Amino acid sequence: MNREYFRWYSHRLHRDMELLVFGHAGAKVLMFPTRDGRFWEYEQLGIVASLADKLRAGQLQLYCIEGLANESFYGRHSHPADRIRRHAALEDYILHEVLPLMAEKNAHDCTIVQGCSLGAFQAASLVFRHPHLFRKLVAFSGRYDLTMKVESFGDLFDGYYDDTVYYHTPAHFLPGLQCEQRLRHLRQVDIVLTIGNGDPFLDNNHHLSRILAEKQVDHRLHLWDGRAHRGSAWRQMAPLYI
């Protein structure tokens, strides 16, 4: 299986950024790690191995990136306004540095965005904000409102709220989305959400599903037994939905 490592200095993020590419051809998959994960997390969790047949067959090519959670949403040393700005800067890096690399390496017309846990939020935020760039969203165990409190998960902005938080939070900006062009693009995206029926973000996934239905956006919400917020469940999900 083809495996490539990339590292370069990003002037948008003012730091070196790293990523791993797996596979040689096929639909391109941009993969966001979890809160504590790094660009090598999907390899470590065995998710890359679970997709090995598709990778060797040239059906998929994975681009595993950094999520910078400790510099953005979990950067407790920073003001909440700086946390969301850091997330916006990461989005800028993806749009203007990672996606061009993907296009240069692979001319396939399908780009999929995937993420687990916090990475699912980042994946969904990116796709819902820029649906014209992507063909599919695959989100495992996501929370799509980082201001909500559930179990041990708190408001990641500590009560702070501004337009940048609003426009990067799917559960907030989607209900008010009236742009017909963006809605038309969004209705063309294949959207797959998965969540365990015992997971803390179950209600939030149902809420997002209702919002999408109200906007006439087709999607699939798959429920797994028990708590599926773990690598072993994601390894099973990946070959089914990516």
C-alpha atoms as a PDB file:
ATOM      1  CA  MET A   1       0.000   0.000   0.000  1.00  0.00           C
ATOM      2  CA  ASN A   2       1.308   3.442  -0.927  1.00  0.00           C
ATOM      3  CA  ARG A   3       2.163   5.617   2.107  1.00  0.00           C
ATOM      4  CA  GLU A   4       3.561   9.146   1.828  1.00  0.00           C
ATOM      5  CA  TYR A   5       4.531  11.724   4.460  1.00  0.00           C
ATOM      6  CA  PHE A   6       4.338  15.486   3.843  1.00  0.00           C
ATOM      7  CA  ARG A   7       5.490  18.415   5.959  1.00  0.00           C
ATOM      8  CA  TRP A   8       5.673  22.103   5.146  1.00  0.00           C
ATOM      9  CA  TYR A   9       5.523  25.484   6.853  1.00  0.00           C
ATOM     10  CA  SER A  10       2.071  27.055   6.639  1.00  0.00           C
ATOM     11  CA  HIS A  11       2.118  30.852   6.584  1.00  0.00           C
ATOM     12  CA  ARG A  12      -1.608  30.786   7.336  1.00  0.00           C
ATOM     13  CA  LEU A  13      -1.029  28.897  10.593  1.00  0.00           C
ATOM     14  CA  HIS A  14       2.525  30.119  11.294  1.00  0.00           C
ATOM     15  CA  ARG A  15       3.794  26.619  12.010  1.00  0.00           C
ATOM     16  CA  ASP A  16       4.881  23.393  10.341  1.00  0.00           C
ATOM     17  CA  MET A  17       2.020  21.114   9.353  1.00  0.00           C
ATOM     18  CA  GLU A  18       2.206  17.392   8.660  1.00  0.00           C
ATOM     19  CA  LEU A  19      -0.022  14.869   6.926  1.00  0.00           C
ATOM     20  CA  LEU A  20      -0.013  11.284   5.710  1.00  0.00           C
ATOM     21  CA  VAL A  21      -1.356   9.998   2.403  1.00  0.00           C
ATOM     22  CA  PHE A  22      -2.428   6.375   1.946  1.00  0.00           C
ATOM     23  CA  GLY A  23      -3.325   4.847  -1.400  1.00  0.00           C
ATOM     24  CA  HIS A  24      -2.464   5.712  -4.978  1.00  0.00           C
ATOM     25  CA  ALA A  25      -5.788   6.518  -6.670  1.00  0.00           C
ATOM     26  CA  GLY A  26      -9.559   6.734  -6.311  1.00  0.00           C
ATOM     27  CA  ALA A  27     -11.859   9.077  -4.421  1.00  0.00           C
ATOM     28  CA  LYS A  28      -9.908  11.428  -2.162  1.00  0.00           C
ATOM     29  CA  VAL A  29     -10.756  11.300   1.556  1.00  0.00           C
ATOM     30  CA  LEU A  30      -9.815  14.225   3.815  1.00  0.00           C
ATOM     31  CA  MET A  31      -9.672  12.780   7.348  1.00  0.00           C
ATOM     32  CA  PHE A  32      -9.869  14.832  10.572  1.00  0.00           C
ATOM     33  CA  PRO A  33      -8.497  13.215  13.762  1.00  0.00           C
ATOM     34  CA  THR A  34     -10.155  13.215  17.180  1.00  0.00           C
ATOM     35  CA  ARG A  35      -9.545  15.787  19.914  1.00  0.00           C
ATOM     36  CA  ASP A  36      -6.299  14.204  21.114  1.00  0.00           C
ATOM     37  CA  GLY A  37      -5.350  12.631  17.789  1.00  0.00           C
ATOM     38  CA  ARG A  38      -2.572  13.561  15.412  1.00  0.00           C
ATOM     39  CA  PHE A  39      -2.212  13.077  11.682  1.00  0.00           C
ATOM     40  CA  TRP A  40      -1.088   9.487  12.288  1.00  0.00           C
ATOM     41  CA  GLU A  41      -4.114   8.564  14.468  1.00  0.00           C
ATOM     42  CA  TYR A  42      -6.079   6.702  11.783  1.00  0.00           C
ATOM     43  CA  GLU A  43      -3.093   4.514  11.090  1.00  0.00           C
ATOM     44  CA  GLN A  44      -2.598   3.860  14.817  1.00  0.00           C
ATOM     45  CA  LEU A  45      -6.282   3.026  15.392  1.00  0.00           C
ATOM     46  CA  GLY A  46      -6.297   0.500  12.553  1.00  0.00           C
ATOM     47  CA  ILE A  47      -8.800   2.454  10.476  1.00  0.00           C
ATOM     48  CA  VAL A  48      -6.355   2.685   7.565  1.00  0.00           C
ATOM     49  CA  ALA A  49      -5.894  -1.090   7.757  1.00  0.00           C
ATOM     50  CA  SER A  50      -9.679  -1.568   7.733  1.00  0.00           C
ATOM     51  CA  LEU A  51      -9.743   0.208   4.360  1.00  0.00           C
ATOM     52  CA  ALA A  52      -6.728  -1.640   2.942  1.00  0.00           C
ATOM     53  CA  ASP A  53      -8.683  -3.548   0.284  1.00  0.00           C
ATOM     54  CA  LYS A  54     -10.186  -0.341  -1.102  1.00  0.00           C
ATOM     55  CA  LEU A  55      -6.819   1.406  -0.965  1.00  0.00           C
ATOM     56  CA  ARG A  56      -4.976  -1.352  -2.812  1.00  0.00           C
ATOM     57  CA  ALA A  57      -7.749  -1.521  -5.406  1.00  0.00           C
ATOM     58  CA  GLY A  58      -7.379   2.197  -6.133  1.00  0.00           C
ATOM     59  CA  GLN A  59     -10.886   3.017  -4.903  1.00  0.00           C
ATOM     60  CA  LEU A  60      -9.804   5.432  -2.138  1.00  0.00           C
ATOM     61  CA  GLN A  61      -6.873   7.673  -1.290  1.00  0.00           C
ATOM     62  CA  LEU A  62      -6.700   8.962   2.302  1.00  0.00           C
ATOM     63  CA  TYR A  63      -5.283  12.323   3.390  1.00  0.00           C
ATOM     64  CA  CYS A  64      -4.865  12.278   7.177  1.00  0.00           C
ATOM     65  CA  ILE A  65      -4.285  15.776   8.555  1.00  0.00           C
ATOM     66  CA  GLU A  66      -3.678  17.554  11.850  1.00  0.00           C
ATOM     67  CA  GLY A  67      -6.761  18.855  13.676  1.00  0.00           C
ATOM     68  CA  LEU A  68      -5.020  21.363  16.012  1.00  0.00           C
ATOM     69  CA  ALA A  69      -7.642  20.816  18.724  1.00  0.00           C
ATOM     70  CA  ASN A  70      -5.279  21.896  21.496  1.00  0.00           C
ATOM     71  CA  GLU A  71      -4.665  25.174  19.688  1.00  0.00           C
ATOM     72  CA  SER A  72      -8.326  25.844  18.931  1.00  0.00           C
ATOM     73  CA  PHE A  73     -11.333  24.389  20.747  1.00  0.00           C
ATOM     74  CA  TYR A  74      -9.330  22.876  23.605  1.00  0.00           C
ATOM     75  CA  GLY A  75      -6.797  25.697  23.844  1.00  0.00           C
ATOM     76  CA  ARG A  76      -7.889  26.685  27.349  1.00  0.00           C
ATOM     77  CA  HIS A  77      -4.901  29.034  27.596  1.00  0.00           C
ATOM     78  CA  SER A  78      -6.495  31.216  24.890  1.00  0.00           C
ATOM     79  CA  HIS A  79      -9.555  33.446  24.881  1.00  0.00           C
ATOM     80  CA  PRO A  80     -12.569  31.747  23.227  1.00  0.00           C
ATOM     81  CA  ALA A  81     -12.472  34.336  20.434  1.00  0.00           C
ATOM     82  CA  ASP A  82      -8.912  33.246  19.659  1.00  0.00           C
ATOM     83  CA  ARG A  83      -9.929  29.570  19.772  1.00  0.00           C
ATOM     84  CA  ILE A  84     -12.550  29.941  17.071  1.00  0.00           C
ATOM     85  CA  ARG A  85     -10.225  32.154  15.011  1.00  0.00           C
ATOM     86  CA  ARG A  86      -7.611  29.403  15.170  1.00  0.00           C
ATOM     87  CA  HIS A  87     -10.185  26.937  13.876  1.00  0.00           C
ATOM     88  CA  ALA A  88     -11.043  29.352  11.052  1.00  0.00           C
ATOM     89  CA  ALA A  89      -7.337  29.588  10.212  1.00  0.00           C
ATOM     90  CA  LEU A  90      -7.177  25.781  10.028  1.00  0.00           C
ATOM     91  CA  GLU A  91     -10.092  25.851   7.583  1.00  0.00           C
ATOM     92  CA  ASP A  92      -8.199  28.410   5.503  1.00  0.00           C
ATOM     93  CA  TYR A  93      -5.131  26.139   5.509  1.00  0.00           C
ATOM     94  CA  ILE A  94      -7.236  23.191   4.330  1.00  0.00           C
ATOM     95  CA  LEU A  95      -8.941  25.158   1.565  1.00  0.00           C
ATOM     96  CA  HIS A  96      -5.807  26.833   0.223  1.00  0.00           C
ATOM     97  CA  GLU A  97      -3.014  24.365   1.003  1.00  0.00           C
ATOM     98  CA  VAL A  98      -4.343  20.830   1.543  1.00  0.00           C
ATOM     99  CA  LEU A  99      -7.042  20.739  -1.140  1.00  0.00           C
ATOM    100  CA  PRO A 100      -4.623  22.044  -3.816  1.00  0.00           C
ATOM    101  CA  LEU A 101      -2.148  19.299  -2.844  1.00  0.00           C
ATOM    102  CA  MET A 102      -4.914  16.729  -3.168  1.00  0.00           C
ATOM    103  CA  ALA A 103      -5.889  18.081  -6.590  1.00  0.00           C
ATOM    104  CA  GLU A 104      -2.271  18.048  -7.754  1.00  0.00           C
ATOM    105  CA  LYS A 105      -1.738  14.446  -6.670  1.00  0.00           C
ATOM    106  CA  ASN A 106      -5.083  13.033  -7.755  1.00  0.00           C
ATOM    107  CA  ALA A 107      -7.461  14.246 -10.467  1.00  0.00           C
ATOM    108  CA  HIS A 108     -10.414  12.156  -9.255  1.00  0.00           C
ATOM    109  CA  ASP A 109     -13.573  14.293  -9.152  1.00  0.00           C
ATOM    110  CA  CYS A 110     -14.854  12.950  -5.811  1.00  0.00           C
ATOM    111  CA  THR A 111     -13.622  14.403  -2.529  1.00  0.00           C
ATOM    112  CA  ILE A 112     -14.965  12.926   0.707  1.00  0.00           C
ATOM    113  CA  VAL A 113     -14.552  14.513   4.143  1.00  0.00           C
ATOM    114  CA  GLN A 114     -14.490  12.254   7.196  1.00  0.00           C
ATOM    115  CA  GLY A 115     -13.956  12.682  10.919  1.00  0.00           C
ATOM    116  CA  CYS A 116     -14.466  11.018  14.297  1.00  0.00           C
ATOM    117  CA  SER A 117     -15.624  12.747  17.490  1.00  0.00           C
ATOM    118  CA  LEU A 118     -14.339  16.354  17.372  1.00  0.00           C
ATOM    119  CA  GLY A 119     -13.075  15.543  13.892  1.00  0.00           C
ATOM    120  CA  ALA A 120     -16.676  14.830  12.889  1.00  0.00           C
ATOM    121  CA  PHE A 121     -17.601  18.380  13.922  1.00  0.00           C
ATOM    122  CA  GLN A 122     -14.688  19.791  11.920  1.00  0.00           C
ATOM    123  CA  ALA A 123     -15.606  17.672   8.895  1.00  0.00           C
ATOM    124  CA  ALA A 124     -19.268  18.688   9.051  1.00  0.00           C
ATOM    125  CA  SER A 125     -18.491  22.370   9.545  1.00  0.00           C
ATOM    126  CA  LEU A 126     -16.194  22.340   6.508  1.00  0.00           C
ATOM    127  CA  VAL A 127     -18.660  20.545   4.230  1.00  0.00           C
ATOM    128  CA  PHE A 128     -21.739  22.501   5.297  1.00  0.00           C
ATOM    129  CA  ARG A 129     -19.868  25.776   4.794  1.00  0.00           C
ATOM    130  CA  HIS A 130     -18.367  24.803   1.419  1.00  0.00           C
ATOM    131  CA  PRO A 131     -20.621  22.089  -0.038  1.00  0.00           C
ATOM    132  CA  HIS A 132     -19.671  22.893  -3.629  1.00  0.00           C
ATOM    133  CA  LEU A 133     -16.196  21.453  -3.005  1.00  0.00           C
ATOM    134  CA  PHE A 134     -17.218  18.023  -1.731  1.00  0.00           C
ATOM    135  CA  ARG A 135     -19.235  14.996  -2.774  1.00  0.00           C
ATOM    136  CA  LYS A 136     -19.608  13.164   0.535  1.00  0.00           C
ATOM    137  CA  LEU A 137     -19.491  13.694   4.316  1.00  0.00           C
ATOM    138  CA  VAL A 138     -18.893  10.772   6.681  1.00  0.00           C
ATOM    139  CA  ALA A 139     -19.101  11.743  10.363  1.00  0.00           C
ATOM    140  CA  PHE A 140     -18.673   9.264  13.231  1.00  0.00           C
ATOM    141  CA  SER A 141     -19.707  10.083  16.830  1.00  0.00           C
ATOM    142  CA  GLY A 142     -19.904  13.832  16.304  1.00  0.00           C
ATOM    143  CA  ARG A 143     -21.166  16.724  18.414  1.00  0.00           C
ATOM    144  CA  TYR A 144     -22.363  19.466  16.081  1.00  0.00           C
ATOM    145  CA  ASP A 145     -22.850  22.161  18.707  1.00  0.00           C
ATOM    146  CA  LEU A 146     -19.734  22.794  20.780  1.00  0.00           C
ATOM    147  CA  THR A 147     -21.618  25.251  23.008  1.00  0.00           C
ATOM    148  CA  MET A 148     -23.891  22.525  24.396  1.00  0.00           C
ATOM    149  CA  LYS A 149     -23.205  20.734  27.665  1.00  0.00           C
ATOM    150  CA  VAL A 150     -23.773  16.996  27.978  1.00  0.00           C
ATOM    151  CA  GLU A 151     -22.298  14.580  30.534  1.00  0.00           C
ATOM    152  CA  SER A 152     -18.635  15.573  31.003  1.00  0.00           C
ATOM    153  CA  PHE A 153     -18.552  17.593  27.775  1.00  0.00           C
ATOM    154  CA  GLY A 154     -18.865  21.324  28.399  1.00  0.00           C
ATOM    155  CA  ASP A 155     -19.220  24.500  26.379  1.00  0.00           C
ATOM    156  CA  LEU A 156     -15.879  24.813  24.572  1.00  0.00           C
ATOM    157  CA  PHE A 157     -16.305  28.603  24.371  1.00  0.00           C
ATOM    158  CA  ASP A 158     -17.042  29.119  28.086  1.00  0.00           C
ATOM    159  CA  GLY A 159     -20.182  31.153  27.372  1.00  0.00           C
ATOM    160  CA  TYR A 160     -18.533  33.341  24.742  1.00  0.00           C
ATOM    161  CA  TYR A 161     -20.436  33.766  21.471  1.00  0.00           C
ATOM    162  CA  ASP A 162     -19.912  35.760  18.295  1.00  0.00           C
ATOM    163  CA  ASP A 163     -20.613  35.550  14.568  1.00  0.00           C
ATOM    164  CA  THR A 164     -17.571  33.359  13.939  1.00  0.00           C
ATOM    165  CA  VAL A 165     -18.826  30.772  16.441  1.00  0.00           C
ATOM    166  CA  TYR A 166     -22.275  30.962  14.854  1.00  0.00           C
ATOM    167  CA  TYR A 167     -21.101  30.536  11.263  1.00  0.00           C
ATOM    168  CA  HIS A 168     -18.817  27.590  12.103  1.00  0.00           C
ATOM    169  CA  THR A 169     -21.412  25.689  14.164  1.00  0.00           C
ATOM    170  CA  PRO A 170     -23.639  23.510  11.936  1.00  0.00           C
ATOM    171  CA  ALA A 171     -26.471  23.181  14.459  1.00  0.00           C
ATOM    172  CA  HIS A 172     -26.635  26.990  14.666  1.00  0.00           C
ATOM    173  CA  PHE A 173     -26.197  28.314  11.133  1.00  0.00           C
ATOM    174  CA  LEU A 174     -28.001  25.604   9.159  1.00  0.00           C
ATOM    175  CA  PRO A 175     -31.528  26.468  10.429  1.00  0.00           C
ATOM    176  CA  GLY A 176     -31.105  30.025   9.140  1.00  0.00           C
ATOM    177  CA  LEU A 177     -29.438  29.081   5.865  1.00  0.00           C
ATOM    178  CA  GLN A 178     -31.478  30.632   3.045  1.00  0.00           C
ATOM    179  CA  CYS A 179     -28.942  30.729   0.211  1.00  0.00           C
ATOM    180  CA  GLU A 180     -30.524  28.597  -2.496  1.00  0.00           C
ATOM    181  CA  GLN A 181     -27.226  28.056  -4.278  1.00  0.00           C
ATOM    182  CA  ARG A 182     -25.559  26.644  -1.166  1.00  0.00           C
ATOM    183  CA  LEU A 183     -28.633  24.561  -0.350  1.00  0.00           C
ATOM    184  CA  ARG A 184     -28.629  23.184  -3.892  1.00  0.00           C
ATOM    185  CA  HIS A 185     -24.991  22.148  -3.526  1.00  0.00           C
ATOM    186  CA  LEU A 186     -25.663  20.715  -0.071  1.00  0.00           C
ATOM    187  CA  ARG A 187     -28.527  18.604  -1.408  1.00  0.00           C
ATOM    188  CA  GLN A 188     -26.060  16.993  -3.803  1.00  0.00           C
ATOM    189  CA  VAL A 189     -23.702  15.853  -1.022  1.00  0.00           C
ATOM    190  CA  ASP A 190     -23.960  12.267   0.228  1.00  0.00           C
ATOM    191  CA  ILE A 191     -24.203  12.770   4.013  1.00  0.00           C
ATOM    192  CA  VAL A 192     -23.632   9.875   6.419  1.00  0.00           C
ATOM    193  CA  LEU A 193     -23.859  10.345  10.208  1.00  0.00           C
ATOM    194  CA  THR A 194     -23.278   7.535  12.701  1.00  0.00           C
ATOM    195  CA  ILE A 195     -23.772   7.530  16.458  1.00  0.00           C
ATOM    196  CA  GLY A 196     -24.208   4.930  19.190  1.00  0.00           C
ATOM    197  CA  ASN A 197     -27.676   4.755  20.758  1.00  0.00           C
ATOM    198  CA  GLY A 198     -25.938   5.042  24.133  1.00  0.00           C
ATOM    199  CA  ASP A 199     -23.601   7.883  23.146  1.00  0.00           C
ATOM    200  CA  PRO A 200     -23.782  11.312  24.819  1.00  0.00           C
ATOM    201  CA  PHE A 201     -24.255  13.102  21.483  1.00  0.00           C
ATOM    202  CA  LEU A 202     -27.222  10.988  20.364  1.00  0.00           C
ATOM    203  CA  ASP A 203     -29.796  13.769  20.853  1.00  0.00           C
ATOM    204  CA  ASN A 204     -27.558  16.256  19.052  1.00  0.00           C
ATOM    205  CA  ASN A 205     -27.316  13.918  16.051  1.00  0.00           C
ATOM    206  CA  HIS A 206     -31.101  13.578  15.954  1.00  0.00           C
ATOM    207  CA  HIS A 207     -31.353  17.368  16.163  1.00  0.00           C
ATOM    208  CA  LEU A 208     -28.977  17.814  13.214  1.00  0.00           C
ATOM    209  CA  SER A 209     -30.908  15.170  11.277  1.00  0.00           C
ATOM    210  CA  ARG A 210     -34.155  17.111  11.824  1.00  0.00           C
ATOM    211  CA  ILE A 211     -32.506  20.330  10.637  1.00  0.00           C
ATOM    212  CA  LEU A 212     -31.274  18.651   7.464  1.00  0.00           C
ATOM    213  CA  ALA A 213     -34.704  17.137   6.840  1.00  0.00           C
ATOM    214  CA  GLU A 214     -36.343  20.563   7.249  1.00  0.00           C
ATOM    215  CA  LYS A 215     -33.928  21.909   4.634  1.00  0.00           C
ATOM    216  CA  GLN A 216     -34.804  18.972   2.355  1.00  0.00           C
ATOM    217  CA  VAL A 217     -31.216  17.697   2.512  1.00  0.00           C
ATOM    218  CA  ASP A 218     -31.086  13.926   2.073  1.00  0.00           C
ATOM    219  CA  HIS A 219     -28.858  12.137   4.564  1.00  0.00           C
ATOM    220  CA  ARG A 220     -28.460   8.890   6.466  1.00  0.00           C
ATOM    221  CA  LEU A 221     -28.304   8.636  10.255  1.00  0.00           C
ATOM    222  CA  HIS A 222     -27.074   5.212  11.388  1.00  0.00           C
ATOM    223  CA  LEU A 223     -27.456   4.146  15.033  1.00  0.00           C
ATOM    224  CA  TRP A 224     -25.071   1.621  16.580  1.00  0.00           C
ATOM    225  CA  ASP A 225     -25.806  -0.403  19.696  1.00  0.00           C
ATOM    226  CA  GLY A 226     -24.483   1.013  22.960  1.00  0.00           C
ATOM    227  CA  ARG A 227     -21.612   3.486  23.081  1.00  0.00           C
ATOM    228  CA  ALA A 228     -19.810   3.628  19.752  1.00  0.00           C
ATOM    229  CA  HIS A 229     -17.485   6.495  20.645  1.00  0.00           C
ATOM    230  CA  ARG A 230     -14.321   4.396  20.309  1.00  0.00           C
ATOM    231  CA  GLY A 231     -11.765   3.211  17.800  1.00  0.00           C
ATOM    232  CA  SER A 232     -13.037  -0.370  17.614  1.00  0.00           C
ATOM    233  CA  ALA A 233     -16.457   0.845  16.439  1.00  0.00           C
ATOM    234  CA  TRP A 234     -14.954   3.315  13.969  1.00  0.00           C
ATOM    235  CA  ARG A 235     -12.857   0.512  12.445  1.00  0.00           C
ATOM    236  CA  GLN A 236     -16.090  -1.354  11.708  1.00  0.00           C
ATOM    237  CA  MET A 237     -17.856   1.741  10.387  1.00  0.00           C
ATOM    238  CA  ALA A 238     -15.110   2.873   8.009  1.00  0.00           C
ATOM    239  CA  PRO A 239     -15.381   0.095   5.351  1.00  0.00           C
ATOM    240  CA  LEU A 240     -19.189   0.339   5.436  1.00  0.00           C
ATOM    241  CA  TYR A 241     -19.565   4.076   4.955  1.00  0.00           C
ATOM    242  CA  ILE A 242     -16.404   5.548   3.425  1.00  0.00           C
END
